[in-house]
Amino acid sequence: MSESRIYQWGTERRFNSLSDHFNREFGGRVQKVSVNAGFTCPNRDGRSGRGGCTYCDSMAFSPSYCRPEVPVRDQVEQGIEFHRKRYRRADKFLAYFQSYTNTYGSPRFLQELYSEALSVEGVTGLVIGTRPDCVDDEILNVIADFAAKYYVIVEYGIESCYNKTLKEINRGHDFETSVAAIKRTAAMGIRTGGHIIFGLPGETRDEMLDQAEILSSLPLNTLKFHQLQIIRNTAMARQFKEDPDRFRFFEAEEYLDFMAEFTCRLSPSIIIERFAGEVPPRYLAGGRKWGLRSEQVLALFEKKLEEKDLWQGKYFEK
């Protein structure tokens, strides 16, 4: 067991956490409020492909108040009311455009939509979830204007650094597209985040670990990680039913060990938003049901780092 130390992100916590980042940035708790603005996806309507990503059903991750027929302002207000009851200390909020591709519209429409969310009292910024093949300079200019006044982050679904995997899951773009979008967004002064899924079919443990170095080379501010869980009524659920031997799922302890090693290889400058995903059991068609809530997984992960004297970036080489 090692003695307490202050790490380069300024706390005794052994990874660069989002909550600590928000404390530094805002001086207290900040809560994301999910929004479903009714967007579709270029991988569904034919621009990039058909059928969508094989794992995708975004409604499995959307709160009950997120309904596209409800105006954005009303969704944000209902979300704030919900979170204020649950987290009494929450008084600052980020409108999280979460479902599907939230830059898939004209620049004028996006400007109006984001402005509507920011007009709600207590909203201090935006989180915009999107695909790397669905931004251009005109759209990024709109976002950059908001980023000059508010806390704004564009969160890209990267999912994997390997083109073989992206093809396998019908992602509709290659990793080079992700790299280009991340670099272009960061160059315009916009905070840039990414999402990665561990356990996708065909990827070895070493390949998954090697992504730490690849991602660390990019100008990313934040990353989210999610173990593979198969959602009902998706293409992947059908694939799993037809050939379950193609899939290998993490046991809880195995995943904690994997994430500890991955975190040690990751640049300490990258803020880690999430280590594991949590899907309501009614949506699951395959995967390991750990019987743990996300906060329990995090507590076990931090305990493992402490016991093994590990921390984010311990094995990172610039």
C-alpha atoms as a PDB file:
ATOM      1  CA  MET A   1       0.000   0.000   0.000  1.00  0.00           C
ATOM      2  CA  SER A   2       1.507   3.316  -1.068  1.00  0.00           C
ATOM      3  CA  GLU A   3       1.419   6.594   0.821  1.00  0.00           C
ATOM      4  CA  SER A   4      -1.002   9.279  -0.354  1.00  0.00           C
ATOM      5  CA  ARG A   5       0.349  11.543  -3.023  1.00  0.00           C
ATOM      6  CA  ILE A   6      -0.897  14.430  -5.105  1.00  0.00           C
ATOM      7  CA  TYR A   7      -0.991  13.495  -8.794  1.00  0.00           C
ATOM      8  CA  GLN A   8      -0.406  15.879 -11.650  1.00  0.00           C
ATOM      9  CA  TRP A   9      -4.127  16.670 -12.004  1.00  0.00           C
ATOM     10  CA  GLY A  10      -3.987  18.083  -8.478  1.00  0.00           C
ATOM     11  CA  THR A  11      -5.783  15.504  -6.297  1.00  0.00           C
ATOM     12  CA  GLU A  12      -5.051  12.309  -4.367  1.00  0.00           C
ATOM     13  CA  ARG A  13      -7.402  10.388  -6.644  1.00  0.00           C
ATOM     14  CA  ARG A  14      -5.520   7.932  -8.839  1.00  0.00           C
ATOM     15  CA  PHE A  15      -7.134   8.944 -12.118  1.00  0.00           C
ATOM     16  CA  ASN A  16      -8.076  12.216 -13.735  1.00  0.00           C
ATOM     17  CA  SER A  17     -11.771  12.217 -12.869  1.00  0.00           C
ATOM     18  CA  LEU A  18     -14.611  14.251 -14.340  1.00  0.00           C
ATOM     19  CA  SER A  19     -15.938  15.251 -10.913  1.00  0.00           C
ATOM     20  CA  ASP A  20     -12.566  16.710  -9.925  1.00  0.00           C
ATOM     21  CA  HIS A  21     -12.387  18.497 -13.276  1.00  0.00           C
ATOM     22  CA  PHE A  22     -15.801  20.066 -12.688  1.00  0.00           C
ATOM     23  CA  ASN A  23     -14.749  21.128  -9.195  1.00  0.00           C
ATOM     24  CA  ARG A  24     -11.751  22.897 -10.695  1.00  0.00           C
ATOM     25  CA  GLU A  25     -13.793  24.384 -13.542  1.00  0.00           C
ATOM     26  CA  PHE A  26     -17.014  25.350 -11.744  1.00  0.00           C
ATOM     27  CA  GLY A  27     -16.201  25.141  -8.048  1.00  0.00           C
ATOM     28  CA  GLY A  28     -18.748  22.396  -7.390  1.00  0.00           C
ATOM     29  CA  ARG A  29     -21.033  19.723  -8.769  1.00  0.00           C
ATOM     30  CA  VAL A  30     -22.264  19.932 -12.358  1.00  0.00           C
ATOM     31  CA  GLN A  31     -25.006  17.611 -13.625  1.00  0.00           C
ATOM     32  CA  LYS A  32     -25.667  16.579 -17.223  1.00  0.00           C
ATOM     33  CA  VAL A  33     -29.292  16.764 -18.349  1.00  0.00           C
ATOM     34  CA  SER A  34     -30.031  14.489 -21.304  1.00  0.00           C
ATOM     35  CA  VAL A  35     -31.916  15.804 -24.340  1.00  0.00           C
ATOM     36  CA  ASN A  36     -33.475  13.907 -27.233  1.00  0.00           C
ATOM     37  CA  ALA A  37     -33.849  16.446 -30.024  1.00  0.00           C
ATOM     38  CA  GLY A  38     -35.264  13.950 -32.527  1.00  0.00           C
ATOM     39  CA  PHE A  39     -32.158  13.563 -34.664  1.00  0.00           C
ATOM     40  CA  THR A  40     -31.607  10.543 -36.863  1.00  0.00           C
ATOM     41  CA  CYS A  41     -28.275   9.193 -38.093  1.00  0.00           C
ATOM     42  CA  PRO A  42     -26.512   9.139 -41.487  1.00  0.00           C
ATOM     43  CA  ASN A  43     -25.866   5.458 -40.910  1.00  0.00           C
ATOM     44  CA  ARG A  44     -29.615   4.869 -40.840  1.00  0.00           C
ATOM     45  CA  ASP A  45     -31.017   7.131 -43.530  1.00  0.00           C
ATOM     46  CA  GLY A  46     -28.613   6.048 -46.266  1.00  0.00           C
ATOM     47  CA  ARG A  47     -26.104   8.887 -46.349  1.00  0.00           C
ATOM     48  CA  SER A  48     -23.413   6.691 -44.788  1.00  0.00           C
ATOM     49  CA  GLY A  49     -25.241   3.375 -44.618  1.00  0.00           C
ATOM     50  CA  ARG A  50     -28.380   1.534 -43.642  1.00  0.00           C
ATOM     51  CA  GLY A  51     -29.425  -0.290 -40.515  1.00  0.00           C
ATOM     52  CA  GLY A  52     -27.243   1.677 -38.113  1.00  0.00           C
ATOM     53  CA  CYS A  53     -24.396   0.352 -35.988  1.00  0.00           C
ATOM     54  CA  THR A  54     -24.991  -3.265 -35.039  1.00  0.00           C
ATOM     55  CA  TYR A  55     -24.982  -2.530 -31.276  1.00  0.00           C
ATOM     56  CA  CYS A  56     -27.126   0.595 -31.322  1.00  0.00           C
ATOM     57  CA  ASP A  57     -30.405   1.309 -29.614  1.00  0.00           C
ATOM     58  CA  SER A  58     -29.991   4.736 -28.061  1.00  0.00           C
ATOM     59  CA  MET A  59     -33.306   4.536 -26.214  1.00  0.00           C
ATOM     60  CA  ALA A  60     -31.720   2.019 -23.841  1.00  0.00           C
ATOM     61  CA  PHE A  61     -29.643   4.889 -22.457  1.00  0.00           C
ATOM     62  CA  SER A  62     -32.244   7.689 -22.456  1.00  0.00           C
ATOM     63  CA  PRO A  63     -34.082   8.896 -19.333  1.00  0.00           C
ATOM     64  CA  SER A  64     -37.891   8.761 -19.395  1.00  0.00           C
ATOM     65  CA  TYR A  65     -38.222  12.536 -19.752  1.00  0.00           C
ATOM     66  CA  CYS A  66     -36.279  12.496 -23.041  1.00  0.00           C
ATOM     67  CA  ARG A  67     -38.979  12.329 -25.710  1.00  0.00           C
ATOM     68  CA  PRO A  68     -38.370  13.958 -29.096  1.00  0.00           C
ATOM     69  CA  GLU A  69     -41.941  15.260 -29.310  1.00  0.00           C
ATOM     70  CA  VAL A  70     -41.275  17.407 -26.213  1.00  0.00           C
ATOM     71  CA  PRO A  71     -39.589  20.782 -26.922  1.00  0.00           C
ATOM     72  CA  VAL A  72     -35.934  20.951 -25.968  1.00  0.00           C
ATOM     73  CA  ARG A  73     -36.511  23.669 -23.402  1.00  0.00           C
ATOM     74  CA  ASP A  74     -39.181  21.579 -21.664  1.00  0.00           C
ATOM     75  CA  GLN A  75     -36.927  18.498 -21.645  1.00  0.00           C
ATOM     76  CA  VAL A  76     -34.122  20.485 -20.051  1.00  0.00           C
ATOM     77  CA  GLU A  77     -36.418  21.995 -17.423  1.00  0.00           C
ATOM     78  CA  GLN A  78     -37.882  18.570 -16.560  1.00  0.00           C
ATOM     79  CA  GLY A  79     -34.382  17.105 -16.387  1.00  0.00           C
ATOM     80  CA  ILE A  80     -33.200  19.841 -14.048  1.00  0.00           C
ATOM     81  CA  GLU A  81     -36.210  19.294 -11.779  1.00  0.00           C
ATOM     82  CA  PHE A  82     -35.484  15.544 -11.708  1.00  0.00           C
ATOM     83  CA  HIS A  83     -31.802  15.997 -10.874  1.00  0.00           C
ATOM     84  CA  ARG A  84     -32.418  18.682  -8.245  1.00  0.00           C
ATOM     85  CA  LYS A  85     -34.577  16.206  -6.352  1.00  0.00           C
ATOM     86  CA  ARG A  86     -31.989  13.452  -6.703  1.00  0.00           C
ATOM     87  CA  TYR A  87     -28.865  15.565  -6.165  1.00  0.00           C
ATOM     88  CA  ARG A  88     -29.741  18.418  -3.852  1.00  0.00           C
ATOM     89  CA  ARG A  89     -26.342  20.061  -4.299  1.00  0.00           C
ATOM     90  CA  ALA A  90     -26.730  20.328  -8.099  1.00  0.00           C
ATOM     91  CA  ASP A  91     -27.208  23.910  -9.230  1.00  0.00           C
ATOM     92  CA  LYS A  92     -25.240  23.958 -12.486  1.00  0.00           C
ATOM     93  CA  PHE A  93     -26.241  21.884 -15.506  1.00  0.00           C
ATOM     94  CA  LEU A  94     -25.007  20.908 -18.943  1.00  0.00           C
ATOM     95  CA  ALA A  95     -27.571  20.155 -21.645  1.00  0.00           C
ATOM     96  CA  TYR A  96     -26.488  16.777 -23.019  1.00  0.00           C
ATOM     97  CA  PHE A  97     -27.626  16.205 -26.587  1.00  0.00           C
ATOM     98  CA  GLN A  98     -27.302  12.449 -26.336  1.00  0.00           C
ATOM     99  CA  SER A  99     -29.541  10.449 -28.688  1.00  0.00           C
ATOM    100  CA  TYR A 100     -28.245   9.651 -32.166  1.00  0.00           C
ATOM    101  CA  THR A 101     -26.291  12.268 -34.172  1.00  0.00           C
ATOM    102  CA  ASN A 102     -26.679  15.738 -32.695  1.00  0.00           C
ATOM    103  CA  THR A 103     -24.877  17.694 -35.406  1.00  0.00           C
ATOM    104  CA  TYR A 104     -26.987  16.159 -38.194  1.00  0.00           C
ATOM    105  CA  GLY A 105     -28.779  19.307 -39.324  1.00  0.00           C
ATOM    106  CA  SER A 106     -28.228  22.678 -40.920  1.00  0.00           C
ATOM    107  CA  PRO A 107     -25.965  25.139 -39.089  1.00  0.00           C
ATOM    108  CA  ARG A 108     -28.901  27.514 -38.604  1.00  0.00           C
ATOM    109  CA  PHE A 109     -31.100  24.778 -37.099  1.00  0.00           C
ATOM    110  CA  LEU A 110     -28.300  23.654 -34.778  1.00  0.00           C
ATOM    111  CA  GLN A 111     -27.650  27.202 -33.631  1.00  0.00           C
ATOM    112  CA  GLU A 112     -31.332  27.650 -32.727  1.00  0.00           C
ATOM    113  CA  LEU A 113     -31.492  24.276 -30.984  1.00  0.00           C
ATOM    114  CA  TYR A 114     -28.383  24.803 -28.845  1.00  0.00           C
ATOM    115  CA  SER A 115     -29.516  28.341 -28.002  1.00  0.00           C
ATOM    116  CA  GLU A 116     -32.862  26.996 -26.775  1.00  0.00           C
ATOM    117  CA  ALA A 117     -31.122  24.657 -24.358  1.00  0.00           C
ATOM    118  CA  LEU A 118     -28.780  27.372 -23.108  1.00  0.00           C
ATOM    119  CA  SER A 119     -31.701  29.724 -22.463  1.00  0.00           C
ATOM    120  CA  VAL A 120     -32.825  27.626 -19.487  1.00  0.00           C
ATOM    121  CA  GLU A 121     -31.767  29.054 -16.127  1.00  0.00           C
ATOM    122  CA  GLY A 122     -28.931  27.067 -14.578  1.00  0.00           C
ATOM    123  CA  VAL A 123     -27.598  25.666 -17.862  1.00  0.00           C
ATOM    124  CA  THR A 124     -23.937  26.583 -18.173  1.00  0.00           C
ATOM    125  CA  GLY A 125     -22.962  24.633 -21.257  1.00  0.00           C
ATOM    126  CA  LEU A 126     -23.525  21.860 -23.787  1.00  0.00           C
ATOM    127  CA  VAL A 127     -22.390  18.294 -24.365  1.00  0.00           C
ATOM    128  CA  ILE A 128     -22.978  17.359 -28.004  1.00  0.00           C
ATOM    129  CA  GLY A 129     -22.839  13.675 -28.876  1.00  0.00           C
ATOM    130  CA  THR A 130     -22.202  12.987 -32.546  1.00  0.00           C
ATOM    131  CA  ARG A 131     -20.368  10.980 -35.191  1.00  0.00           C
ATOM    132  CA  PRO A 132     -16.987  11.997 -36.610  1.00  0.00           C
ATOM    133  CA  ASP A 133     -18.360  11.844 -40.158  1.00  0.00           C
ATOM    134  CA  CYS A 134     -21.092  14.356 -39.355  1.00  0.00           C
ATOM    135  CA  VAL A 135     -19.231  17.623 -38.761  1.00  0.00           C
ATOM    136  CA  ASP A 136     -17.794  20.176 -41.149  1.00  0.00           C
ATOM    137  CA  ASP A 137     -16.181  23.594 -40.733  1.00  0.00           C
ATOM    138  CA  GLU A 138     -19.508  25.429 -40.921  1.00  0.00           C
ATOM    139  CA  ILE A 139     -21.034  23.358 -38.135  1.00  0.00           C
ATOM    140  CA  LEU A 140     -17.885  23.524 -36.038  1.00  0.00           C
ATOM    141  CA  ASN A 141     -17.865  27.321 -36.421  1.00  0.00           C
ATOM    142  CA  VAL A 142     -21.363  27.430 -34.912  1.00  0.00           C
ATOM    143  CA  ILE A 143     -20.210  25.274 -31.986  1.00  0.00           C
ATOM    144  CA  ALA A 144     -17.013  27.309 -31.583  1.00  0.00           C
ATOM    145  CA  ASP A 145     -19.084  30.480 -31.152  1.00  0.00           C
ATOM    146  CA  PHE A 146     -20.915  28.853 -28.240  1.00  0.00           C
ATOM    147  CA  ALA A 147     -17.657  27.448 -26.847  1.00  0.00           C
ATOM    148  CA  ALA A 148     -16.254  30.977 -26.621  1.00  0.00           C
ATOM    149  CA  LYS A 149     -18.999  31.845 -24.095  1.00  0.00           C
ATOM    150  CA  TYR A 150     -20.008  28.562 -22.472  1.00  0.00           C
ATOM    151  CA  TYR A 151     -18.572  25.224 -21.431  1.00  0.00           C
ATOM    152  CA  VAL A 152     -19.011  23.107 -24.570  1.00  0.00           C
ATOM    153  CA  ILE A 153     -17.685  19.673 -25.468  1.00  0.00           C
ATOM    154  CA  VAL A 154     -18.239  17.643 -28.640  1.00  0.00           C
ATOM    155  CA  GLU A 155     -18.282  13.939 -27.820  1.00  0.00           C
ATOM    156  CA  TYR A 156     -17.459  11.616 -30.714  1.00  0.00           C
ATOM    157  CA  GLY A 157     -18.420   7.974 -30.975  1.00  0.00           C
ATOM    158  CA  ILE A 158     -15.021   6.508 -31.816  1.00  0.00           C
ATOM    159  CA  GLU A 159     -15.888   3.003 -30.518  1.00  0.00           C
ATOM    160  CA  SER A 160     -12.670   1.393 -31.829  1.00  0.00           C
ATOM    161  CA  CYS A 161      -9.319   2.427 -33.291  1.00  0.00           C
ATOM    162  CA  TYR A 162      -9.369  -0.505 -35.737  1.00  0.00           C
ATOM    163  CA  ASN A 163     -10.976  -0.358 -39.164  1.00  0.00           C
ATOM    164  CA  LYS A 164     -11.644  -4.099 -39.184  1.00  0.00           C
ATOM    165  CA  THR A 165     -13.812  -3.648 -36.095  1.00  0.00           C
ATOM    166  CA  LEU A 166     -15.574  -0.554 -37.413  1.00  0.00           C
ATOM    167  CA  LYS A 167     -16.495  -2.492 -40.536  1.00  0.00           C
ATOM    168  CA  GLU A 168     -17.644  -5.455 -38.441  1.00  0.00           C
ATOM    169  CA  ILE A 169     -20.060  -3.298 -36.424  1.00  0.00           C
ATOM    170  CA  ASN A 170     -21.303  -1.421 -39.524  1.00  0.00           C
ATOM    171  CA  ARG A 171     -20.053   1.873 -38.148  1.00  0.00           C
ATOM    172  CA  GLY A 172     -20.103   3.578 -41.554  1.00  0.00           C
ATOM    173  CA  HIS A 173     -16.767   5.391 -41.202  1.00  0.00           C
ATOM    174  CA  ASP A 174     -13.127   4.511 -40.610  1.00  0.00           C
ATOM    175  CA  PHE A 175     -10.790   5.455 -37.777  1.00  0.00           C
ATOM    176  CA  GLU A 176      -9.020   8.018 -39.955  1.00  0.00           C
ATOM    177  CA  THR A 177     -12.323   9.936 -40.053  1.00  0.00           C
ATOM    178  CA  SER A 178     -12.350   9.991 -36.251  1.00  0.00           C
ATOM    179  CA  VAL A 179      -8.779  11.267 -36.111  1.00  0.00           C
ATOM    180  CA  ALA A 180      -9.513  14.051 -38.607  1.00  0.00           C
ATOM    181  CA  ALA A 181     -12.671  15.188 -36.780  1.00  0.00           C
ATOM    182  CA  ILE A 182     -10.977  15.178 -33.370  1.00  0.00           C
ATOM    183  CA  LYS A 183      -8.023  17.196 -34.622  1.00  0.00           C
ATOM    184  CA  ARG A 184     -10.226  19.683 -36.493  1.00  0.00           C
ATOM    185  CA  THR A 185     -12.514  20.196 -33.482  1.00  0.00           C
ATOM    186  CA  ALA A 186      -9.663  20.696 -31.027  1.00  0.00           C
ATOM    187  CA  ALA A 187      -7.922  23.093 -33.409  1.00  0.00           C
ATOM    188  CA  MET A 188     -11.014  25.320 -33.295  1.00  0.00           C
ATOM    189  CA  GLY A 189     -10.751  25.634 -29.517  1.00  0.00           C
ATOM    190  CA  ILE A 190     -13.639  23.250 -28.744  1.00  0.00           C
ATOM    191  CA  ARG A 191     -13.297  20.679 -25.961  1.00  0.00           C
ATOM    192  CA  THR A 192     -13.256  17.244 -27.548  1.00  0.00           C
ATOM    193  CA  GLY A 193     -14.279  13.888 -26.111  1.00  0.00           C
ATOM    194  CA  GLY A 194     -14.631  10.311 -27.263  1.00  0.00           C
ATOM    195  CA  HIS A 195     -16.380   7.032 -26.502  1.00  0.00           C
ATOM    196  CA  ILE A 196     -14.802   3.569 -26.743  1.00  0.00           C
ATOM    197  CA  ILE A 197     -16.377   0.111 -26.410  1.00  0.00           C
ATOM    198  CA  PHE A 198     -14.251  -2.740 -25.047  1.00  0.00           C
ATOM    199  CA  GLY A 199     -15.049  -6.312 -26.050  1.00  0.00           C
ATOM    200  CA  LEU A 200     -16.228  -5.798 -29.613  1.00  0.00           C
ATOM    201  CA  PRO A 201     -16.095  -9.005 -31.699  1.00  0.00           C
ATOM    202  CA  GLY A 202     -12.666  -9.934 -33.045  1.00  0.00           C
ATOM    203  CA  GLU A 203     -10.542  -7.658 -30.836  1.00  0.00           C
ATOM    204  CA  THR A 204      -7.890  -9.267 -28.660  1.00  0.00           C
ATOM    205  CA  ARG A 205      -6.967  -8.047 -25.190  1.00  0.00           C
ATOM    206  CA  ASP A 206      -3.643  -6.718 -26.498  1.00  0.00           C
ATOM    207  CA  GLU A 207      -5.390  -4.823 -29.300  1.00  0.00           C
ATOM    208  CA  MET A 208      -7.764  -3.241 -26.816  1.00  0.00           C
ATOM    209  CA  LEU A 209      -4.886  -2.246 -24.541  1.00  0.00           C
ATOM    210  CA  ASP A 210      -2.884  -0.800 -27.437  1.00  0.00           C
ATOM    211  CA  GLN A 211      -5.661   1.718 -27.992  1.00  0.00           C
ATOM    212  CA  ALA A 212      -4.470   3.598 -24.901  1.00  0.00           C
ATOM    213  CA  GLU A 213      -1.376   4.756 -26.770  1.00  0.00           C
ATOM    214  CA  ILE A 214      -3.334   5.547 -29.933  1.00  0.00           C
ATOM    215  CA  LEU A 215      -5.933   7.625 -28.085  1.00  0.00           C
ATOM    216  CA  SER A 216      -3.281   9.369 -25.994  1.00  0.00           C
ATOM    217  CA  SER A 217      -1.719  10.699 -29.198  1.00  0.00           C
ATOM    218  CA  LEU A 218      -4.908  12.617 -30.059  1.00  0.00           C
ATOM    219  CA  PRO A 219      -6.012  16.039 -28.694  1.00  0.00           C
ATOM    220  CA  LEU A 220      -8.787  14.550 -26.552  1.00  0.00           C
ATOM    221  CA  ASN A 221      -9.964  16.234 -23.364  1.00  0.00           C
ATOM    222  CA  THR A 222     -12.202  13.409 -22.155  1.00  0.00           C
ATOM    223  CA  LEU A 223     -12.910   9.723 -22.733  1.00  0.00           C
ATOM    224  CA  LYS A 224     -15.759   7.375 -21.796  1.00  0.00           C
ATOM    225  CA  PHE A 225     -15.328   3.596 -21.698  1.00  0.00           C
ATOM    226  CA  HIS A 226     -18.049   0.975 -21.916  1.00  0.00           C
ATOM    227  CA  GLN A 227     -17.818  -2.801 -21.735  1.00  0.00           C
ATOM    228  CA  LEU A 228     -19.752  -4.571 -24.496  1.00  0.00           C
ATOM    229  CA  GLN A 229     -23.349  -5.303 -23.584  1.00  0.00           C
ATOM    230  CA  ILE A 230     -25.779  -6.515 -26.230  1.00  0.00           C
ATOM    231  CA  ILE A 231     -29.066  -4.645 -26.418  1.00  0.00           C
ATOM    232  CA  ARG A 232     -32.329  -6.323 -27.380  1.00  0.00           C
ATOM    233  CA  ASN A 233     -33.716  -5.763 -30.889  1.00  0.00           C
ATOM    234  CA  THR A 234     -30.358  -4.760 -32.377  1.00  0.00           C
ATOM    235  CA  ALA A 235     -28.473  -6.360 -35.248  1.00  0.00           C
ATOM    236  CA  MET A 236     -25.830  -7.507 -32.764  1.00  0.00           C
ATOM    237  CA  ALA A 237     -28.505  -9.239 -30.687  1.00  0.00           C
ATOM    238  CA  ARG A 238     -29.473 -11.233 -33.776  1.00  0.00           C
ATOM    239  CA  GLN A 239     -25.814 -12.045 -34.466  1.00  0.00           C
ATOM    240  CA  PHE A 240     -25.363 -13.179 -30.878  1.00  0.00           C
ATOM    241  CA  LYS A 241     -28.383 -15.461 -31.085  1.00  0.00           C
ATOM    242  CA  GLU A 242     -27.102 -17.019 -34.327  1.00  0.00           C
ATOM    243  CA  ASP A 243     -23.473 -17.470 -33.212  1.00  0.00           C
ATOM    244  CA  PRO A 244     -22.864 -16.808 -29.496  1.00  0.00           C
ATOM    245  CA  ASP A 245     -19.331 -18.260 -29.677  1.00  0.00           C
ATOM    246  CA  ARG A 246     -18.187 -15.151 -31.602  1.00  0.00           C
ATOM    247  CA  PHE A 247     -18.690 -13.085 -28.450  1.00  0.00           C
ATOM    248  CA  ARG A 248     -16.615 -13.008 -25.288  1.00  0.00           C
ATOM    249  CA  PHE A 249     -17.739 -10.883 -22.372  1.00  0.00           C
ATOM    250  CA  PHE A 250     -15.758  -9.520 -19.439  1.00  0.00           C
ATOM    251  CA  GLU A 251     -16.373 -10.863 -15.979  1.00  0.00           C
ATOM    252  CA  ALA A 252     -16.405  -8.035 -13.436  1.00  0.00           C
ATOM    253  CA  GLU A 253     -13.000  -8.797 -11.857  1.00  0.00           C
ATOM    254  CA  GLU A 254     -11.438  -9.395 -15.264  1.00  0.00           C
ATOM    255  CA  TYR A 255     -12.714  -6.028 -16.479  1.00  0.00           C
ATOM    256  CA  LEU A 256     -11.358  -4.224 -13.420  1.00  0.00           C
ATOM    257  CA  ASP A 257      -7.912  -5.733 -14.057  1.00  0.00           C
ATOM    258  CA  PHE A 258      -8.097  -4.797 -17.727  1.00  0.00           C
ATOM    259  CA  MET A 259      -9.141  -1.213 -17.001  1.00  0.00           C
ATOM    260  CA  ALA A 260      -6.389  -0.816 -14.398  1.00  0.00           C
ATOM    261  CA  GLU A 261      -3.776  -1.783 -16.980  1.00  0.00           C
ATOM    262  CA  PHE A 262      -5.375   0.381 -19.670  1.00  0.00           C
ATOM    263  CA  THR A 263      -5.532   3.394 -17.350  1.00  0.00           C
ATOM    264  CA  CYS A 264      -1.837   3.033 -16.514  1.00  0.00           C
ATOM    265  CA  ARG A 265      -1.057   3.324 -20.231  1.00  0.00           C
ATOM    266  CA  LEU A 266      -3.340   6.309 -20.847  1.00  0.00           C
ATOM    267  CA  SER A 267      -2.105   9.897 -20.882  1.00  0.00           C
ATOM    268  CA  PRO A 268      -2.728  11.507 -17.477  1.00  0.00           C
ATOM    269  CA  SER A 269      -3.961  14.654 -19.231  1.00  0.00           C
ATOM    270  CA  ILE A 270      -7.131  12.920 -20.469  1.00  0.00           C
ATOM    271  CA  ILE A 271     -10.148  13.192 -18.164  1.00  0.00           C
ATOM    272  CA  ILE A 272     -11.880   9.850 -17.673  1.00  0.00           C
ATOM    273  CA  GLU A 273     -15.638  10.342 -17.523  1.00  0.00           C
ATOM    274  CA  ARG A 274     -16.700   6.735 -17.138  1.00  0.00           C
ATOM    275  CA  PHE A 275     -15.069   3.322 -16.809  1.00  0.00           C
ATOM    276  CA  ALA A 276     -18.067   1.062 -17.452  1.00  0.00           C
ATOM    277  CA  GLY A 277     -21.580   1.228 -18.831  1.00  0.00           C
ATOM    278  CA  GLU A 278     -24.792   0.356 -17.041  1.00  0.00           C
ATOM    279  CA  VAL A 279     -27.778  -0.815 -19.085  1.00  0.00           C
ATOM    280  CA  PRO A 280     -31.191  -1.545 -17.518  1.00  0.00           C
ATOM    281  CA  PRO A 281     -31.523  -5.359 -17.348  1.00  0.00           C
ATOM    282  CA  ARG A 282     -34.754  -5.313 -19.362  1.00  0.00           C
ATOM    283  CA  TYR A 283     -32.770  -4.124 -22.394  1.00  0.00           C
ATOM    284  CA  LEU A 284     -30.035  -6.772 -22.238  1.00  0.00           C
ATOM    285  CA  ALA A 285     -29.850  -9.629 -24.738  1.00  0.00           C
ATOM    286  CA  GLY A 286     -26.281 -10.659 -23.927  1.00  0.00           C
ATOM    287  CA  GLY A 287     -23.354  -9.749 -21.728  1.00  0.00           C
ATOM    288  CA  ARG A 288     -22.391 -10.222 -18.118  1.00  0.00           C
ATOM    289  CA  LYS A 289     -24.877  -9.101 -15.482  1.00  0.00           C
ATOM    290  CA  TRP A 290     -22.455  -8.073 -12.763  1.00  0.00           C
ATOM    291  CA  GLY A 291     -25.117  -7.093 -10.255  1.00  0.00           C
ATOM    292  CA  LEU A 292     -23.235  -3.859  -9.598  1.00  0.00           C
ATOM    293  CA  ARG A 293     -24.268  -0.249 -10.022  1.00  0.00           C
ATOM    294  CA  SER A 294     -21.857   2.106 -11.779  1.00  0.00           C
ATOM    295  CA  GLU A 295     -20.797   3.734  -8.495  1.00  0.00           C
ATOM    296  CA  GLN A 296     -19.987   0.282  -7.071  1.00  0.00           C
ATOM    297  CA  VAL A 297     -17.842  -0.562 -10.102  1.00  0.00           C
ATOM    298  CA  LEU A 298     -15.993   2.720  -9.649  1.00  0.00           C
ATOM    299  CA  ALA A 299     -15.389   2.048  -5.941  1.00  0.00           C
ATOM    300  CA  LEU A 300     -13.986  -1.405  -6.707  1.00  0.00           C
ATOM    301  CA  PHE A 301     -11.802   0.038  -9.446  1.00  0.00           C
ATOM    302  CA  GLU A 302     -10.322   2.691  -7.169  1.00  0.00           C
ATOM    303  CA  LYS A 303      -9.707   0.051  -4.524  1.00  0.00           C
ATOM    304  CA  LYS A 304      -7.792  -2.037  -7.071  1.00  0.00           C
ATOM    305  CA  LEU A 305      -5.629   0.924  -8.092  1.00  0.00           C
ATOM    306  CA  GLU A 306      -4.825   1.569  -4.448  1.00  0.00           C
ATOM    307  CA  GLU A 307      -4.030  -2.060  -3.646  1.00  0.00           C
ATOM    308  CA  LYS A 308      -1.727  -2.444  -6.648  1.00  0.00           C
ATOM    309  CA  ASP A 309      -0.233   1.064  -6.365  1.00  0.00           C
ATOM    310  CA  LEU A 310      -1.344   1.999  -9.886  1.00  0.00           C
ATOM    311  CA  TRP A 311      -2.443   5.329 -11.326  1.00  0.00           C
ATOM    312  CA  GLN A 312      -3.380   6.880 -14.624  1.00  0.00           C
ATOM    313  CA  GLY A 313      -0.334   7.348 -16.805  1.00  0.00           C
ATOM    314  CA  LYS A 314       2.019   5.247 -14.655  1.00  0.00           C
ATOM    315  CA  TYR A 315       3.272   3.488 -17.794  1.00  0.00           C
ATOM    316  CA  PHE A 316       2.507   6.256 -20.255  1.00  0.00           C
ATOM    317  CA  GLU A 317       5.370   7.331 -22.471  1.00  0.00           C
ATOM    318  CA  LYS A 318       5.130  10.608 -24.364  1.00  0.00           C
END
